[in-house]
Amino acid sequence: MSGWGCPHEIMGVCQRLNGLQCDPGRKGCVLHGRFRFSDETKNPEPSVAGANTVAEPPAHQEDD
């Protein structure tokens, strides 16, 4: 069995988040936004709708 230990967690308390209870994936956590969690409430919302789409190149205009 393996595990992960956060360097900011001391005895279940997050030193990075001003002494809040350690909750991996919480906003402000070093894991927030880097991984997908099975608990959907820990996954960040997409920032902008359609941000991952490819923009169409500008139409070529011919000079007369």
N, C-alpha and C. Protein backbone atom coordinates (compact mmCIF):
# COMPACT_ATOMS: atom_id res chain seq x y z
N MET A 1 0.85 -1.18 0.00
CA MET A 1 0.00 0.00 0.00
C MET A 1 0.89 1.23 0.00
N SER A 2 0.47 2.27 -0.72
CA SER A 2 1.26 3.50 -0.78
C SER A 2 0.39 4.67 -0.33
N GLY A 3 1.03 5.76 -0.08
CA GLY A 3 0.31 6.95 0.35
C GLY A 3 1.05 8.21 -0.06
N TRP A 4 0.42 9.31 0.15
CA TRP A 4 1.00 10.59 -0.19
C TRP A 4 0.98 11.45 1.05
N GLY A 5 2.04 12.14 1.32
CA GLY A 5 2.09 13.04 2.47
C GLY A 5 2.33 14.46 2.01
N CYS A 6 1.49 15.35 2.41
CA CYS A 6 1.63 16.76 2.04
C CYS A 6 2.63 17.44 2.97
N PRO A 7 3.57 18.19 2.43
CA PRO A 7 4.54 18.88 3.28
C PRO A 7 3.91 20.02 4.09
N HIS A 8 2.70 20.44 3.73
CA HIS A 8 2.02 21.54 4.44
C HIS A 8 1.12 21.05 5.56
N GLU A 9 0.90 19.73 5.66
CA GLU A 9 0.02 19.14 6.66
C GLU A 9 0.82 18.69 7.88
N ILE A 10 0.43 19.18 9.04
CA ILE A 10 1.04 18.77 10.29
C ILE A 10 -0.08 18.37 11.24
N MET A 11 -0.11 17.08 11.56
CA MET A 11 -1.12 16.53 12.47
C MET A 11 -2.55 16.86 12.01
N GLY A 12 -2.80 16.75 10.69
CA GLY A 12 -4.14 16.96 10.14
C GLY A 12 -4.52 18.41 9.91
N VAL A 13 -3.57 19.33 10.14
CA VAL A 13 -3.85 20.75 9.98
C VAL A 13 -2.99 21.30 8.84
N CYS A 14 -3.59 22.08 7.95
CA CYS A 14 -2.89 22.67 6.82
C CYS A 14 -2.20 23.96 7.24
N GLN A 15 -0.88 23.98 7.14
CA GLN A 15 -0.12 25.18 7.48
C GLN A 15 -0.21 26.23 6.38
N ARG A 16 -0.49 25.82 5.17
CA ARG A 16 -0.61 26.73 4.03
C ARG A 16 -1.91 27.54 4.10
N LEU A 17 -2.97 26.92 4.64
CA LEU A 17 -4.28 27.57 4.70
C LEU A 17 -4.63 28.04 6.11
N ASN A 18 -3.67 28.60 6.78
CA ASN A 18 -3.87 29.23 8.09
C ASN A 18 -4.51 28.32 9.13
N GLY A 19 -4.07 27.06 9.18
CA GLY A 19 -4.52 26.16 10.23
C GLY A 19 -5.86 25.50 10.02
N LEU A 20 -6.40 25.51 8.81
CA LEU A 20 -7.65 24.80 8.54
C LEU A 20 -7.38 23.30 8.52
N GLN A 21 -8.41 22.52 8.75
CA GLN A 21 -8.31 21.07 8.67
C GLN A 21 -7.85 20.68 7.26
N CYS A 22 -6.92 19.75 7.17
CA CYS A 22 -6.41 19.30 5.87
C CYS A 22 -7.54 18.67 5.07
N ASP A 23 -7.75 19.15 3.85
CA ASP A 23 -8.78 18.64 2.95
C ASP A 23 -8.21 18.69 1.53
N PRO A 24 -7.56 17.60 1.08
CA PRO A 24 -6.93 17.61 -0.25
C PRO A 24 -7.91 18.03 -1.34
N GLY A 25 -7.50 18.98 -2.16
CA GLY A 25 -8.32 19.47 -3.26
C GLY A 25 -9.08 20.73 -2.95
N ARG A 26 -9.07 21.16 -1.70
CA ARG A 26 -9.76 22.40 -1.31
C ARG A 26 -9.10 23.58 -2.05
N LYS A 27 -9.87 24.61 -2.32
CA LYS A 27 -9.32 25.80 -2.95
C LYS A 27 -8.19 26.34 -2.07
N GLY A 28 -7.03 26.54 -2.66
CA GLY A 28 -5.85 26.98 -1.93
C GLY A 28 -4.87 25.85 -1.69
N CYS A 29 -5.35 24.61 -1.78
CA CYS A 29 -4.50 23.43 -1.62
C CYS A 29 -3.57 23.32 -2.82
N VAL A 30 -2.38 22.79 -2.61
CA VAL A 30 -1.43 22.62 -3.72
C VAL A 30 -1.97 21.65 -4.77
N LEU A 31 -2.96 20.84 -4.44
CA LEU A 31 -3.54 19.90 -5.40
C LEU A 31 -4.71 20.49 -6.17
N HIS A 32 -5.27 21.60 -5.71
CA HIS A 32 -6.46 22.21 -6.32
C HIS A 32 -6.19 22.57 -7.78
N GLY A 33 -7.01 22.02 -8.67
CA GLY A 33 -6.91 22.32 -10.10
C GLY A 33 -5.88 21.50 -10.84
N ARG A 34 -5.09 20.71 -10.16
CA ARG A 34 -4.07 19.90 -10.82
C ARG A 34 -4.54 18.48 -11.09
N PHE A 35 -5.53 18.03 -10.34
CA PHE A 35 -6.01 16.66 -10.45
C PHE A 35 -7.53 16.66 -10.43
N ARG A 36 -8.13 15.58 -10.96
CA ARG A 36 -9.58 15.40 -10.86
C ARG A 36 -9.86 14.51 -9.67
N PHE A 37 -10.83 14.89 -8.87
CA PHE A 37 -11.21 14.13 -7.69
C PHE A 37 -12.55 13.44 -7.93
N SER A 38 -12.76 12.32 -7.26
CA SER A 38 -14.04 11.62 -7.39
C SER A 38 -15.17 12.45 -6.79
N ASP A 39 -14.85 13.30 -5.83
CA ASP A 39 -15.82 14.22 -5.25
C ASP A 39 -15.86 15.47 -6.15
N GLU A 40 -16.91 15.59 -6.95
CA GLU A 40 -17.01 16.68 -7.93
C GLU A 40 -16.97 18.08 -7.32
N THR A 41 -17.30 18.21 -6.04
CA THR A 41 -17.27 19.53 -5.41
C THR A 41 -15.84 20.04 -5.26
N LYS A 42 -14.85 19.15 -5.36
CA LYS A 42 -13.46 19.55 -5.25
C LYS A 42 -12.83 19.88 -6.59
N ASN A 43 -13.56 19.65 -7.68
CA ASN A 43 -13.05 19.95 -9.01
C ASN A 43 -13.45 21.37 -9.39
N PRO A 44 -12.49 22.18 -9.87
CA PRO A 44 -12.82 23.57 -10.21
C PRO A 44 -13.76 23.65 -11.41
N GLU A 45 -14.54 24.72 -11.44
CA GLU A 45 -15.43 24.98 -12.56
C GLU A 45 -14.59 25.40 -13.77
N PRO A 46 -15.04 25.07 -14.98
CA PRO A 46 -14.33 25.57 -16.17
C PRO A 46 -14.34 27.10 -16.15
N SER A 47 -13.21 27.71 -16.48
CA SER A 47 -13.09 29.16 -16.37
C SER A 47 -13.93 29.91 -17.39
N VAL A 48 -13.88 29.51 -18.66
CA VAL A 48 -14.63 30.18 -19.71
C VAL A 48 -15.20 29.13 -20.64
N ALA A 49 -16.48 29.25 -20.94
CA ALA A 49 -17.11 28.28 -21.83
C ALA A 49 -16.46 28.36 -23.21
N GLY A 50 -16.05 27.23 -23.73
CA GLY A 50 -15.45 27.18 -25.06
C GLY A 50 -13.99 27.58 -25.09
N ALA A 51 -13.35 27.68 -23.95
CA ALA A 51 -11.95 28.12 -23.91
C ALA A 51 -11.03 27.11 -24.57
N ASN A 52 -11.46 25.85 -24.66
CA ASN A 52 -10.60 24.83 -25.25
C ASN A 52 -10.86 24.62 -26.74
N THR A 53 -11.64 25.48 -27.36
CA THR A 53 -11.92 25.33 -28.78
C THR A 53 -10.89 26.10 -29.58
N VAL A 54 -10.68 25.67 -30.80
CA VAL A 54 -9.72 26.31 -31.69
C VAL A 54 -10.43 27.44 -32.42
N ALA A 55 -9.82 28.61 -32.43
CA ALA A 55 -10.41 29.77 -33.11
C ALA A 55 -10.25 29.61 -34.62
N GLU A 56 -11.25 30.06 -35.36
CA GLU A 56 -11.18 30.03 -36.81
C GLU A 56 -10.24 31.12 -37.28
N PRO A 57 -9.41 30.84 -38.28
CA PRO A 57 -8.54 31.89 -38.81
C PRO A 57 -9.36 32.96 -39.51
N PRO A 58 -8.87 34.19 -39.54
CA PRO A 58 -9.64 35.24 -40.22
C PRO A 58 -9.78 34.94 -41.71
N ALA A 59 -10.93 35.32 -42.26
CA ALA A 59 -11.18 35.08 -43.67
C ALA A 59 -10.23 35.92 -44.51
N HIS A 60 -9.71 35.32 -45.58
CA HIS A 60 -8.78 36.03 -46.47
C HIS A 60 -9.57 36.97 -47.37
N GLN A 61 -9.17 38.23 -47.41
CA GLN A 61 -9.83 39.20 -48.26
C GLN A 61 -8.92 39.53 -49.44
N GLU A 62 -9.49 39.47 -50.61
CA GLU A 62 -8.70 39.79 -51.80
C GLU A 62 -8.86 41.26 -52.13
N ASP A 63 -7.75 41.87 -52.48
CA ASP A 63 -7.78 43.29 -52.89
C ASP A 63 -8.12 43.36 -54.36
N ASP A 64 -9.01 44.28 -54.72
CA ASP A 64 -9.38 44.46 -56.12
C ASP A 64 -8.62 45.57 -56.73
